[in-house]
Amino acid sequence: MSLLAAHNLTKQYDEKDSLFTALNKVNLSIEKGETVAIVGKSGSGKSTLMHLLALLDTPSDGTISLLGRDTGKMSNKQLDRLRNKAFGFVFQQFFLNANNTVLDNVILPLKIAGVGKKARKEKAMKVLEDVELADKAKNKAKDLSGGQKQRVVIARALVNNPTVIFADEPTGNLDSATGRKIEDILFNLNKQHGISLIIVTHDHELASRCQRRIYLKDGEIVREERK
C-alpha cells in the first residue's frame, strides 16, 4: 500500500470568468521512506500539487489517499488532526513568529496537538539538539541568521515525529553553502528515521539527490526519473 496516492487529481481556479487548470488529471503514488522531487518552472503546477498532497487545499476533482484512506471523506477536524500528526512543513519563507523564542516556535505544533507543557518542552529541546540549535532555544527568532531560521523550521516540522516532510523550495532564500547544510539535514532525517521527503524545487542539483524526480509542465506530469 502506498503512503500517499493521487488519482486523476485536478485543480481549477476561476480567473476573470474563465477556468484556469493548474493541475490536470495527475496520477501519482509515493512510498514510505521515499525521497521525491517535484520539479518544474514557475506556473507548472508543482506547488499546487504539493499543497494538495499535503491536504492544505482540496482538489476540484480526483482523490488523495493516505495509507489507503480517502482523505476526501474526512471532516475538516479529522484533516487538521491528520496534518498535524503525520506531516511536517518546511517553506522557504520560514513562517516563524519573529518575536517569539526559538523554543516557542518549535513547540507550536505540540500545543495544537494538546501535548502537556513538560513533554512538549522535552520534545522540542530534543529536536533542537538534532539540528544543533539547542543553545539558541531562548533567542528570539528575529535575531537568527537565515540558515538558523531554516533549521528552526525543520525542528518544528520534526517535533511531532511526522511520516512525511513537505519542503517547498527549502533552500531558496539561502546562500549555496548554507543551503547545502539544510539539504544534508533533510536527507539525513530520511536515512536515519525513514521520514518521506517530498521536495518542490526548480533546483536540478537538489532534485538529483532524491530517489525519484517528477517533472511537471502546464499542470501535467511529463516525465519521471529514478536513481
Protein backbone atom coordinates (compact mmCIF):
# COMPACT_ATOMS: atom_id res chain seq x y z
CA MET A 1 0.00 0.00 0.00
CA SER A 2 1.36 3.42 -0.96
CA LEU A 3 1.88 6.06 1.69
CA LEU A 4 0.27 8.75 -0.49
CA ALA A 5 -1.67 8.24 -3.71
CA ALA A 6 -3.29 10.75 -6.04
CA HIS A 7 -5.77 9.58 -8.67
CA ASN A 8 -6.90 11.87 -11.52
CA LEU A 9 -6.01 14.89 -9.41
CA THR A 10 -7.32 18.10 -10.95
CA LYS A 11 -7.28 21.66 -9.63
CA GLN A 12 -9.01 24.56 -11.35
CA TYR A 13 -9.29 28.23 -10.40
CA ASP A 14 -11.75 30.90 -11.52
CA GLU A 15 -9.88 33.63 -13.37
CA LYS A 16 -11.78 36.51 -14.94
CA ASP A 17 -14.91 34.50 -15.74
CA SER A 18 -12.92 31.54 -17.08
CA LEU A 19 -11.38 28.43 -15.54
CA PHE A 20 -7.62 28.03 -15.22
CA THR A 21 -6.46 24.44 -14.87
CA ALA A 22 -3.44 24.34 -12.56
CA LEU A 23 -3.35 20.53 -12.44
CA ASN A 24 -4.89 18.17 -14.95
CA LYS A 25 -5.66 14.52 -14.04
CA VAL A 26 -2.39 13.82 -12.23
CA ASN A 27 -1.78 10.25 -11.06
CA LEU A 28 0.98 9.70 -8.53
CA SER A 29 1.94 7.42 -5.66
CA ILE A 30 4.62 7.92 -3.02
CA GLU A 31 6.04 5.14 -0.86
CA LYS A 32 7.00 5.26 2.80
CA GLY A 33 10.59 6.41 3.26
CA GLU A 34 10.90 7.65 -0.32
CA THR A 35 12.56 10.91 -1.35
CA VAL A 36 10.74 12.63 -4.20
CA ALA A 37 11.42 15.90 -6.02
CA ILE A 38 8.59 17.67 -7.82
CA VAL A 39 10.32 19.75 -10.47
CA GLY A 40 9.08 22.39 -12.87
CA LYS A 41 9.23 26.03 -13.88
CA SER A 42 7.13 28.70 -12.21
CA GLY A 43 3.49 28.09 -13.10
CA SER A 44 4.00 24.40 -13.86
CA GLY A 45 1.69 23.34 -11.01
CA LYS A 46 4.33 21.93 -8.67
CA SER A 47 3.37 23.98 -5.60
CA THR A 48 -0.31 23.32 -6.28
CA LEU A 49 0.41 19.59 -6.33
CA MET A 50 2.33 19.79 -3.05
CA HIS A 51 -0.45 21.75 -1.35
CA LEU A 52 -2.99 19.15 -2.43
CA LEU A 53 -0.84 16.19 -1.34
CA ALA A 54 -0.25 17.93 1.99
CA LEU A 55 -4.02 18.40 2.44
CA LEU A 56 -3.60 22.17 2.62
CA ASP A 57 -6.03 22.56 -0.27
CA THR A 58 -8.82 20.48 -1.81
CA PRO A 59 -8.87 19.24 -5.42
CA SER A 60 -11.52 20.22 -7.94
CA ASP A 61 -11.67 16.57 -8.95
CA GLY A 62 -9.86 13.33 -8.17
CA THR A 63 -8.83 11.73 -4.90
CA ILE A 64 -5.93 11.71 -2.45
CA SER A 65 -5.41 8.68 -0.23
CA LEU A 66 -3.15 8.41 2.81
CA LEU A 67 -2.35 4.79 3.67
CA GLY A 68 -5.41 3.71 1.74
CA ARG A 69 -7.81 6.17 3.40
CA ASP A 70 -9.68 8.55 1.10
CA THR A 71 -8.96 11.98 2.59
CA GLY A 72 -11.88 13.48 0.66
CA LYS A 73 -14.26 11.65 3.01
CA MET A 74 -12.72 13.14 6.15
CA SER A 75 -14.13 16.08 8.11
CA ASN A 76 -12.15 19.30 8.46
CA LYS A 77 -11.39 18.37 12.07
CA GLN A 78 -10.06 14.96 11.01
CA LEU A 79 -7.92 16.57 8.29
CA ASP A 80 -6.46 19.11 10.73
CA ARG A 81 -5.57 16.34 13.17
CA LEU A 82 -4.07 14.22 10.40
CA ARG A 83 -1.93 17.08 9.04
CA ASN A 84 -0.64 17.95 12.49
CA LYS A 85 0.23 14.34 13.31
CA ALA A 86 1.53 12.94 10.01
CA PHE A 87 3.05 15.92 8.16
CA GLY A 88 5.85 18.40 8.73
CA PHE A 89 6.35 21.50 6.59
CA VAL A 90 9.46 23.40 5.54
CA PHE A 91 8.90 26.53 3.44
CA GLN A 92 11.46 29.00 2.13
CA GLN A 93 9.56 31.91 3.75
CA PHE A 94 10.14 30.35 7.24
CA PHE A 95 6.74 31.45 8.68
CA LEU A 96 8.20 31.88 12.16
CA ASN A 97 6.76 34.15 14.87
CA ALA A 98 9.62 36.66 14.83
CA ASN A 99 9.18 37.98 18.38
CA ASN A 100 8.77 34.54 19.96
CA THR A 101 11.68 32.44 21.13
CA VAL A 102 13.07 29.58 19.09
CA LEU A 103 11.65 27.14 21.65
CA ASP A 104 8.16 28.67 21.46
CA ASN A 105 8.20 28.43 17.66
CA VAL A 106 9.16 24.75 17.75
CA ILE A 107 6.62 23.91 20.45
CA LEU A 108 3.65 25.28 18.48
CA PRO A 109 2.54 22.00 16.76
CA LEU A 110 2.67 20.23 20.13
CA LYS A 111 0.43 22.89 21.68
CA ILE A 112 -2.04 22.35 18.86
CA ALA A 113 -1.88 18.60 19.49
CA GLY A 114 -2.63 19.14 23.20
CA VAL A 115 0.69 17.80 24.49
CA GLY A 116 1.44 18.71 28.12
CA LYS A 117 3.83 21.55 28.96
CA LYS A 118 6.68 19.40 30.31
CA ALA A 119 6.52 16.83 27.49
CA ARG A 120 6.40 19.41 24.73
CA LYS A 121 9.43 21.24 26.11
CA GLU A 122 11.39 17.97 26.29
CA LYS A 123 10.43 17.03 22.73
CA ALA A 124 11.20 20.49 21.40
CA MET A 125 14.64 20.57 23.03
CA LYS A 126 15.41 17.13 21.60
CA VAL A 127 14.72 18.21 18.00
CA LEU A 128 16.64 21.46 18.54
CA GLU A 129 19.60 19.30 19.56
CA ASP A 130 19.12 17.28 16.37
CA VAL A 131 19.51 20.43 14.26
CA GLU A 132 22.28 21.81 16.51
CA LEU A 133 20.30 24.78 17.81
CA ALA A 134 19.68 23.86 21.46
CA ASP A 135 21.92 26.77 22.52
CA LYS A 136 19.57 29.19 20.71
CA ALA A 137 16.36 27.97 22.39
CA LYS A 138 15.82 31.24 24.32
CA ASN A 139 16.78 33.54 21.44
CA LYS A 140 14.07 35.37 19.54
CA ALA A 141 13.54 34.06 16.02
CA LYS A 142 14.12 37.50 14.51
CA ASP A 143 17.70 37.50 15.80
CA LEU A 144 18.76 34.38 13.87
CA SER A 145 20.52 34.08 10.53
CA GLY A 146 18.67 32.68 7.51
CA GLY A 147 20.25 29.26 7.90
CA GLN A 148 19.42 29.15 11.62
CA LYS A 149 15.81 30.13 10.91
CA GLN A 150 15.51 27.31 8.41
CA ARG A 151 16.87 24.86 10.99
CA VAL A 152 14.20 26.09 13.42
CA VAL A 153 11.61 25.40 10.73
CA ILE A 154 12.99 21.88 10.31
CA ALA A 155 12.89 21.34 14.08
CA ARG A 156 9.26 22.49 14.15
CA ALA A 157 8.49 20.12 11.28
CA LEU A 158 10.10 17.24 13.20
CA VAL A 159 8.63 17.78 16.64
CA ASN A 160 5.52 15.64 16.07
CA ASN A 161 7.51 12.72 14.57
CA PRO A 162 5.94 13.11 11.11
CA THR A 163 5.67 10.43 8.47
CA VAL A 164 6.24 12.96 5.67
CA ILE A 165 8.07 16.27 5.41
CA PHE A 166 6.93 18.57 2.62
CA ALA A 167 9.61 21.08 1.63
CA ASP A 168 8.77 23.90 -0.80
CA GLU A 169 11.99 25.44 -2.17
CA PRO A 170 13.64 24.87 1.25
CA THR A 171 16.95 26.46 0.24
CA GLY A 172 15.56 29.21 -1.97
CA ASN A 173 16.43 32.06 0.41
CA LEU A 174 19.85 30.74 1.43
CA ASP A 175 23.37 31.02 0.05
CA SER A 176 24.72 27.86 -1.56
CA ALA A 177 26.87 26.72 1.38
CA THR A 178 24.08 27.17 3.94
CA GLY A 179 21.59 25.62 1.53
CA ARG A 180 23.76 22.53 1.25
CA LYS A 181 23.79 22.14 5.04
CA ILE A 182 19.98 22.35 5.13
CA GLU A 183 19.76 19.73 2.37
CA ASP A 184 22.09 17.44 4.33
CA ILE A 185 19.89 17.74 7.43
CA LEU A 186 16.76 16.81 5.45
CA PHE A 187 18.33 13.83 3.71
CA ASN A 188 19.89 12.59 6.95
CA LEU A 189 16.43 12.65 8.54
CA ASN A 190 15.23 10.44 5.71
CA LYS A 191 18.10 7.99 6.20
CA GLN A 192 18.03 7.89 9.99
CA HIS A 193 14.29 7.99 10.67
CA GLY A 194 12.69 6.84 7.42
CA ILE A 195 10.80 10.10 7.00
CA SER A 196 9.49 10.53 3.47
CA LEU A 197 10.65 13.73 1.78
CA ILE A 198 8.58 15.49 -0.85
CA ILE A 199 10.56 18.46 -2.15
CA VAL A 200 9.24 21.08 -4.55
CA THR A 201 12.10 22.75 -6.40
CA HIS A 202 13.38 24.17 -9.65
CA ASP A 203 16.94 23.42 -8.47
CA HIS A 204 18.08 20.42 -10.52
CA GLU A 205 21.08 19.80 -8.25
CA LEU A 206 18.80 19.45 -5.22
CA ALA A 207 16.37 17.32 -7.22
CA SER A 208 19.19 14.96 -8.25
CA ARG A 209 19.70 13.97 -4.60
CA CYS A 210 16.19 12.47 -4.49
CA GLN A 211 15.41 8.86 -5.35
CA ARG A 212 12.73 9.98 -7.79
CA ARG A 213 12.11 13.13 -9.80
CA ILE A 214 8.68 14.07 -11.15
CA TYR A 215 8.67 16.77 -13.84
CA LEU A 216 5.60 18.95 -14.32
CA LYS A 217 4.67 21.19 -17.21
CA ASP A 218 1.37 23.03 -17.64
CA GLY A 219 -0.21 21.06 -14.81
CA GLU A 220 0.69 17.61 -16.10
CA ILE A 221 3.43 15.08 -15.35
CA VAL A 222 5.61 14.98 -18.45
CA ARG A 223 8.23 12.50 -17.21
CA GLU A 224 9.67 10.71 -14.20
CA GLU A 225 13.24 9.72 -13.41
CA ARG A 226 14.65 7.37 -10.81
CA LYS A 227 18.15 6.93 -9.39
